Amino acid sequence: MSSCPILQSIKAKIDAGMDPDAAIPYQIPVLSLFDYLEVLNYAAQVLPEGNRKEEVKRRLEEVAEDVRRAKGE
């Protein structure tokens, strides 16, 4: 399990029956880039199909690309 408290909170809410759309904040307050990527990846998996899921996937790809560029890949 992830050590990211934001992700743990989101998962707990969803596991308790909350709609993923309501459980995942639009502005994700994270402590590190790795945590942010984890939250985005999880959100892309659990959000229902639609504009929000597509936006999360797009943001995930952008952040992953930024990381690859920073590493010189």
PDB file of N, CA and C in Angstrom:
ATOM      1  N   MET A   1       0.835  -1.189   0.000  1.00  0.00           N
ATOM      2  CA  MET A   1       0.000   0.000   0.000  1.00  0.00           C
ATOM      3  C   MET A   1       0.873   1.244   0.000  1.00  0.00           C
ATOM      4  N   SER A   2       0.391   2.237  -0.641  1.00  0.00           N
ATOM      5  CA  SER A   2       1.105   3.503  -0.749  1.00  0.00           C
ATOM      6  C   SER A   2       1.246   4.180   0.618  1.00  0.00           C
ATOM      7  N   SER A   3       2.341   4.918   0.766  1.00  0.00           N
ATOM      8  CA  SER A   3       2.524   5.679   2.002  1.00  0.00           C
ATOM      9  C   SER A   3       1.979   7.098   1.879  1.00  0.00           C
ATOM     10  N   CYS A   4       1.422   7.450   0.714  1.00  0.00           N
ATOM     11  CA  CYS A   4       0.865   8.783   0.484  1.00  0.00           C
ATOM     12  C   CYS A   4      -0.449   8.933   1.262  1.00  0.00           C
ATOM     13  N   PRO A   5      -0.508   9.863   2.209  1.00  0.00           N
ATOM     14  CA  PRO A   5      -1.727  10.021   3.013  1.00  0.00           C
ATOM     15  C   PRO A   5      -2.932  10.458   2.191  1.00  0.00           C
ATOM     16  N   ILE A   6      -2.717  11.226   1.148  1.00  0.00           N
ATOM     17  CA  ILE A   6      -3.824  11.654   0.292  1.00  0.00           C
ATOM     18  C   ILE A   6      -4.424  10.448  -0.422  1.00  0.00           C
ATOM     19  N   LEU A   7      -3.565   9.604  -0.983  1.00  0.00           N
ATOM     20  CA  LEU A   7      -4.040   8.414  -1.677  1.00  0.00           C
ATOM     21  C   LEU A   7      -4.723   7.455  -0.706  1.00  0.00           C
ATOM     22  N   GLN A   8      -4.185   7.287   0.468  1.00  0.00           N
ATOM     23  CA  GLN A   8      -4.809   6.429   1.471  1.00  0.00           C
ATOM     24  C   GLN A   8      -6.205   6.931   1.824  1.00  0.00           C
ATOM     25  N   SER A   9      -6.340   8.246   1.966  1.00  0.00           N
ATOM     26  CA  SER A   9      -7.644   8.838   2.279  1.00  0.00           C
ATOM     27  C   SER A   9      -8.642   8.617   1.146  1.00  0.00           C
ATOM     28  N   ILE A  10      -8.203   8.818  -0.079  1.00  0.00           N
ATOM     29  CA  ILE A  10      -9.071   8.618  -1.241  1.00  0.00           C
ATOM     30  C   ILE A  10      -9.524   7.160  -1.310  1.00  0.00           C
ATOM     31  N   LYS A  11      -8.572   6.234  -1.165  1.00  0.00           N
ATOM     32  CA  LYS A  11      -8.913   4.809  -1.222  1.00  0.00           C
ATOM     33  C   LYS A  11      -9.896   4.425  -0.122  1.00  0.00           C
ATOM     34  N   ALA A  12      -9.686   4.941   1.087  1.00  0.00           N
ATOM     35  CA  ALA A  12     -10.577   4.626   2.206  1.00  0.00           C
ATOM     36  C   ALA A  12     -11.998   5.105   1.919  1.00  0.00           C
ATOM     37  N   LYS A  13     -12.128   6.291   1.357  1.00  0.00           N
ATOM     38  CA  LYS A  13     -13.453   6.826   1.028  1.00  0.00           C
ATOM     39  C   LYS A  13     -14.133   5.968  -0.032  1.00  0.00           C
ATOM     40  N   ILE A  14     -13.389   5.591  -1.062  1.00  0.00           N
ATOM     41  CA  ILE A  14     -13.966   4.763  -2.125  1.00  0.00           C
ATOM     42  C   ILE A  14     -14.320   3.381  -1.594  1.00  0.00           C
ATOM     43  N   ASP A  15     -13.440   2.812  -0.777  1.00  0.00           N
ATOM     44  CA  ASP A  15     -13.715   1.494  -0.181  1.00  0.00           C
ATOM     45  C   ASP A  15     -14.955   1.537   0.716  1.00  0.00           C
ATOM     46  N   ALA A  16     -15.242   2.711   1.292  1.00  0.00           N
ATOM     47  CA  ALA A  16     -16.415   2.868   2.152  1.00  0.00           C
ATOM     48  C   ALA A  16     -17.689   3.131   1.347  1.00  0.00           C
ATOM     49  N   GLY A  17     -17.547   3.194   0.014  1.00  0.00           N
ATOM     50  CA  GLY A  17     -18.716   3.330  -0.832  1.00  0.00           C
ATOM     51  C   GLY A  17     -18.913   4.693  -1.468  1.00  0.00           C
ATOM     52  N   MET A  18     -18.011   5.628  -1.222  1.00  0.00           N
ATOM     53  CA  MET A  18     -18.144   6.947  -1.822  1.00  0.00           C
ATOM     54  C   MET A  18     -17.856   6.869  -3.321  1.00  0.00           C
ATOM     55  N   ASP A  19     -18.589   7.641  -4.089  1.00  0.00           N
ATOM     56  CA  ASP A  19     -18.375   7.735  -5.530  1.00  0.00           C
ATOM     57  C   ASP A  19     -16.964   8.267  -5.785  1.00  0.00           C
ATOM     58  N   PRO A  20     -16.177   7.610  -6.653  1.00  0.00           N
ATOM     59  CA  PRO A  20     -14.821   8.084  -6.939  1.00  0.00           C
ATOM     60  C   PRO A  20     -14.774   9.540  -7.397  1.00  0.00           C
ATOM     61  N   ASP A  21     -15.791   9.961  -8.134  1.00  0.00           N
ATOM     62  CA  ASP A  21     -15.831  11.349  -8.599  1.00  0.00           C
ATOM     63  C   ASP A  21     -15.886  12.325  -7.424  1.00  0.00           C
ATOM     64  N   ALA A  22     -16.546  11.932  -6.345  1.00  0.00           N
ATOM     65  CA  ALA A  22     -16.643  12.783  -5.160  1.00  0.00           C
ATOM     66  C   ALA A  22     -15.429  12.613  -4.244  1.00  0.00           C
ATOM     67  N   ALA A  23     -14.844  11.429  -4.238  1.00  0.00           N
ATOM     68  CA  ALA A  23     -13.731  11.133  -3.328  1.00  0.00           C
ATOM     69  C   ALA A  23     -12.408  11.738  -3.786  1.00  0.00           C
ATOM     70  N   ILE A  24     -12.243  11.912  -5.090  1.00  0.00           N
ATOM     71  CA  ILE A  24     -10.978  12.412  -5.635  1.00  0.00           C
ATOM     72  C   ILE A  24     -11.089  13.921  -5.811  1.00  0.00           C
ATOM     73  N   PRO A  25     -10.270  14.686  -5.101  1.00  0.00           N
ATOM     74  CA  PRO A  25     -10.356  16.144  -5.232  1.00  0.00           C
ATOM     75  C   PRO A  25      -9.887  16.610  -6.607  1.00  0.00           C
ATOM     76  N   TYR A  26     -10.445  17.726  -7.050  1.00  0.00           N
ATOM     77  CA  TYR A  26     -10.022  18.290  -8.337  1.00  0.00           C
ATOM     78  C   TYR A  26      -8.611  18.864  -8.225  1.00  0.00           C
ATOM     79  N   GLN A  27      -8.308  19.479  -7.111  1.00  0.00           N
ATOM     80  CA  GLN A  27      -6.960  19.975  -6.839  1.00  0.00           C
ATOM     81  C   GLN A  27      -6.322  18.982  -5.879  1.00  0.00           C
ATOM     82  N   ILE A  28      -5.350  18.237  -6.352  1.00  0.00           N
ATOM     83  CA  ILE A  28      -4.750  17.161  -5.555  1.00  0.00           C
ATOM     84  C   ILE A  28      -3.591  17.713  -4.739  1.00  0.00           C
ATOM     85  N   PRO A  29      -3.775  17.788  -3.426  1.00  0.00           N
ATOM     86  CA  PRO A  29      -2.691  18.274  -2.561  1.00  0.00           C
ATOM     87  C   PRO A  29      -1.737  17.132  -2.222  1.00  0.00           C
ATOM     88  N   VAL A  30      -0.556  17.128  -2.813  1.00  0.00           N
ATOM     89  CA  VAL A  30       0.380  16.030  -2.592  1.00  0.00           C
ATOM     90  C   VAL A  30       1.692  16.533  -2.021  1.00  0.00           C
ATOM     91  N   LEU A  31       2.435  15.609  -1.467  1.00  0.00           N
ATOM     92  CA  LEU A  31       3.682  15.948  -0.809  1.00  0.00           C
ATOM     93  C   LEU A  31       4.900  15.792  -1.703  1.00  0.00           C
ATOM     94  N   SER A  32       4.785  15.002  -2.765  1.00  0.00           N
ATOM     95  CA  SER A  32       5.934  14.777  -3.649  1.00  0.00           C
ATOM     96  C   SER A  32       5.451  14.454  -5.058  1.00  0.00           C
ATOM     97  N   LEU A  33       6.347  14.519  -6.009  1.00  0.00           N
ATOM     98  CA  LEU A  33       6.019  14.188  -7.388  1.00  0.00           C
ATOM     99  C   LEU A  33       5.593  12.725  -7.506  1.00  0.00           C
ATOM    100  N   PHE A  34       6.291  11.839  -6.809  1.00  0.00           N
ATOM    101  CA  PHE A  34       5.943  10.417  -6.838  1.00  0.00           C
ATOM    102  C   PHE A  34       4.517  10.207  -6.327  1.00  0.00           C
ATOM    103  N   ASP A  35       4.161  10.883  -5.220  1.00  0.00           N
ATOM    104  CA  ASP A  35       2.800  10.768  -4.676  1.00  0.00           C
ATOM    105  C   ASP A  35       1.779  11.283  -5.681  1.00  0.00           C
ATOM    106  N   TYR A  36       2.096  12.398  -6.339  1.00  0.00           N
ATOM    107  CA  TYR A  36       1.195  12.977  -7.329  1.00  0.00           C
ATOM    108  C   TYR A  36       0.954  11.994  -8.474  1.00  0.00           C
ATOM    109  N   LEU A  37       2.026  11.361  -8.948  1.00  0.00           N
ATOM    110  CA  LEU A  37       1.883  10.368 -10.004  1.00  0.00           C
ATOM    111  C   LEU A  37       1.034   9.186  -9.545  1.00  0.00           C
ATOM    112  N   GLU A  38       1.220   8.759  -8.305  1.00  0.00           N
ATOM    113  CA  GLU A  38       0.426   7.655  -7.757  1.00  0.00           C
ATOM    114  C   GLU A  38      -1.059   8.009  -7.715  1.00  0.00           C
ATOM    115  N   VAL A  39      -1.362   9.210  -7.245  1.00  0.00           N
ATOM    116  CA  VAL A  39      -2.758   9.641  -7.149  1.00  0.00           C
ATOM    117  C   VAL A  39      -3.372   9.748  -8.546  1.00  0.00           C
ATOM    118  N   LEU A  40      -2.656  10.350  -9.483  1.00  0.00           N
ATOM    119  CA  LEU A  40      -3.166  10.461 -10.847  1.00  0.00           C
ATOM    120  C   LEU A  40      -3.397   9.083 -11.461  1.00  0.00           C
ATOM    121  N   ASN A  41      -2.466   8.173 -11.270  1.00  0.00           N
ATOM    122  CA  ASN A  41      -2.599   6.821 -11.813  1.00  0.00           C
ATOM    123  C   ASN A  41      -3.824   6.120 -11.220  1.00  0.00           C
ATOM    124  N   TYR A  42      -3.993   6.233  -9.919  1.00  0.00           N
ATOM    125  CA  TYR A  42      -5.149   5.615  -9.257  1.00  0.00           C
ATOM    126  C   TYR A  42      -6.447   6.240  -9.777  1.00  0.00           C
ATOM    127  N   ALA A  43      -6.467   7.559  -9.866  1.00  0.00           N
ATOM    128  CA  ALA A  43      -7.666   8.252 -10.345  1.00  0.00           C
ATOM    129  C   ALA A  43      -8.022   7.805 -11.760  1.00  0.00           C
ATOM    130  N   ALA A  44      -7.024   7.645 -12.610  1.00  0.00           N
ATOM    131  CA  ALA A  44      -7.268   7.208 -13.989  1.00  0.00           C
ATOM    132  C   ALA A  44      -7.875   5.806 -14.031  1.00  0.00           C
ATOM    133  N   GLN A  45      -7.605   5.011 -13.017  1.00  0.00           N
ATOM    134  CA  GLN A  45      -8.139   3.647 -12.971  1.00  0.00           C
ATOM    135  C   GLN A  45      -9.568   3.600 -12.444  1.00  0.00           C
ATOM    136  N   VAL A  46      -9.911   4.457 -11.474  1.00  0.00           N
ATOM    137  CA  VAL A  46     -11.202   4.316 -10.792  1.00  0.00           C
ATOM    138  C   VAL A  46     -12.279   5.300 -11.224  1.00  0.00           C
ATOM    139  N   LEU A  47     -11.898   6.395 -11.860  1.00  0.00           N
ATOM    140  CA  LEU A  47     -12.925   7.349 -12.295  1.00  0.00           C
ATOM    141  C   LEU A  47     -13.765   6.739 -13.412  1.00  0.00           C
ATOM    142  N   PRO A  48     -15.048   7.067 -13.436  1.00  0.00           N
ATOM    143  CA  PRO A  48     -15.881   6.575 -14.536  1.00  0.00           C
ATOM    144  C   PRO A  48     -15.481   7.264 -15.845  1.00  0.00           C
ATOM    145  N   GLU A  49     -15.798   6.630 -16.953  1.00  0.00           N
ATOM    146  CA  GLU A  49     -15.473   7.199 -18.264  1.00  0.00           C
ATOM    147  C   GLU A  49     -16.094   8.586 -18.376  1.00  0.00           C
ATOM    148  N   GLY A  50     -15.348   9.482 -18.977  1.00  0.00           N
ATOM    149  CA  GLY A  50     -15.869  10.826 -19.177  1.00  0.00           C
ATOM    150  C   GLY A  50     -14.747  11.841 -19.246  1.00  0.00           C
ATOM    151  N   ASN A  51     -15.147  13.097 -19.285  1.00  0.00           N
ATOM    152  CA  ASN A  51     -14.176  14.182 -19.440  1.00  0.00           C
ATOM    153  C   ASN A  51     -13.156  14.237 -18.313  1.00  0.00           C
ATOM    154  N   ARG A  52     -13.603  14.029 -17.088  1.00  0.00           N
ATOM    155  CA  ARG A  52     -12.668  14.118 -15.961  1.00  0.00           C
ATOM    156  C   ARG A  52     -11.607  13.036 -16.040  1.00  0.00           C
ATOM    157  N   LYS A  53     -12.009  11.822 -16.362  1.00  0.00           N
ATOM    158  CA  LYS A  53     -11.049  10.721 -16.491  1.00  0.00           C
ATOM    159  C   LYS A  53     -10.048  11.025 -17.601  1.00  0.00           C
ATOM    160  N   GLU A  54     -10.530  11.545 -18.715  1.00  0.00           N
ATOM    161  CA  GLU A  54      -9.641  11.883 -19.821  1.00  0.00           C
ATOM    162  C   GLU A  54      -8.665  12.991 -19.422  1.00  0.00           C
ATOM    163  N   GLU A  55      -9.130  13.967 -18.649  1.00  0.00           N
ATOM    164  CA  GLU A  55      -8.250  15.034 -18.172  1.00  0.00           C
ATOM    165  C   GLU A  55      -7.175  14.475 -17.232  1.00  0.00           C
ATOM    166  N   VAL A  56      -7.556  13.557 -16.360  1.00  0.00           N
ATOM    167  CA  VAL A  56      -6.590  12.939 -15.443  1.00  0.00           C
ATOM    168  C   VAL A  56      -5.546  12.153 -16.245  1.00  0.00           C
ATOM    169  N   LYS A  57      -5.984  11.403 -17.242  1.00  0.00           N
ATOM    170  CA  LYS A  57      -5.050  10.638 -18.074  1.00  0.00           C
ATOM    171  C   LYS A  57      -4.085  11.570 -18.804  1.00  0.00           C
ATOM    172  N   ARG A  58      -4.623  12.681 -19.321  1.00  0.00           N
ATOM    173  CA  ARG A  58      -3.784  13.652 -20.021  1.00  0.00           C
ATOM    174  C   ARG A  58      -2.753  14.251 -19.075  1.00  0.00           C
ATOM    175  N   ARG A  59      -3.186  14.604 -17.866  1.00  0.00           N
ATOM    176  CA  ARG A  59      -2.266  15.186 -16.877  1.00  0.00           C
ATOM    177  C   ARG A  59      -1.214  14.162 -16.461  1.00  0.00           C
ATOM    178  N   LEU A  60      -1.611  12.914 -16.288  1.00  0.00           N
ATOM    179  CA  LEU A  60      -0.678  11.850 -15.932  1.00  0.00           C
ATOM    180  C   LEU A  60       0.402  11.715 -17.001  1.00  0.00           C
ATOM    181  N   GLU A  61       0.003  11.728 -18.256  1.00  0.00           N
ATOM    182  CA  GLU A  61       0.971  11.619 -19.350  1.00  0.00           C
ATOM    183  C   GLU A  61       1.892  12.837 -19.381  1.00  0.00           C
ATOM    184  N   GLU A  62       1.349  14.024 -19.148  1.00  0.00           N
ATOM    185  CA  GLU A  62       2.176  15.240 -19.132  1.00  0.00           C
ATOM    186  C   GLU A  62       3.234  15.179 -18.027  1.00  0.00           C
ATOM    187  N   VAL A  63       2.816  14.790 -16.843  1.00  0.00           N
ATOM    188  CA  VAL A  63       3.749  14.727 -15.712  1.00  0.00           C
ATOM    189  C   VAL A  63       4.797  13.647 -15.961  1.00  0.00           C
ATOM    190  N   ALA A  64       4.379  12.501 -16.475  1.00  0.00           N
ATOM    191  CA  ALA A  64       5.328  11.427 -16.771  1.00  0.00           C
ATOM    192  C   ALA A  64       6.336  11.884 -17.831  1.00  0.00           C
ATOM    193  N   GLU A  65       5.876  12.612 -18.828  1.00  0.00           N
ATOM    194  CA  GLU A  65       6.766  13.134 -19.863  1.00  0.00           C
ATOM    195  C   GLU A  65       7.745  14.144 -19.268  1.00  0.00           C
ATOM    196  N   ASP A  66       7.266  15.003 -18.373  1.00  0.00           N
ATOM    197  CA  ASP A  66       8.155  15.955 -17.699  1.00  0.00           C
ATOM    198  C   ASP A  66       9.258  15.232 -16.927  1.00  0.00           C
ATOM    199  N   VAL A  67       8.895  14.144 -16.263  1.00  0.00           N
ATOM    200  CA  VAL A  67       9.876  13.355 -15.503  1.00  0.00           C
ATOM    201  C   VAL A  67      10.891  12.731 -16.456  1.00  0.00           C
ATOM    202  N   ARG A  68      10.404  12.180 -17.571  1.00  0.00           N
ATOM    203  CA  ARG A  68      11.327  11.569 -18.550  1.00  0.00           C
ATOM    204  C   ARG A  68      12.290  12.620 -19.106  1.00  0.00           C
ATOM    205  N   ARG A  69      11.788  13.808 -19.412  1.00  0.00           N
ATOM    206  CA  ARG A  69      12.648  14.876 -19.935  1.00  0.00           C
ATOM    207  C   ARG A  69      13.686  15.294 -18.891  1.00  0.00           C
ATOM    208  N   ALA A  70      13.264  15.389 -17.643  1.00  0.00           N
ATOM    209  CA  ALA A  70      14.168  15.795 -16.572  1.00  0.00           C
ATOM    210  C   ALA A  70      15.275  14.765 -16.373  1.00  0.00           C
ATOM    211  N   LYS A  71      14.959  13.509 -16.636  1.00  0.00           N
ATOM    212  CA  LYS A  71      15.965  12.448 -16.501  1.00  0.00           C
ATOM    213  C   LYS A  71      16.806  12.311 -17.754  1.00  0.00           C
ATOM    214  N   GLY A  72      16.454  13.048 -18.815  1.00  0.00           N
ATOM    215  CA  GLY A  72      17.231  13.004 -20.049  1.00  0.00           C
ATOM    216  C   GLY A  72      16.933  11.818 -20.927  1.00  0.00           C
ATOM    217  N   GLU A  73      15.773  11.243 -20.795  1.00  0.00           N
ATOM    218  CA  GLU A  73      15.410  10.062 -21.600  1.00  0.00           C
ATOM    219  C   GLU A  73      14.792  10.491 -22.903  1.00  0.00           C
TER     220      GLU A  73
END
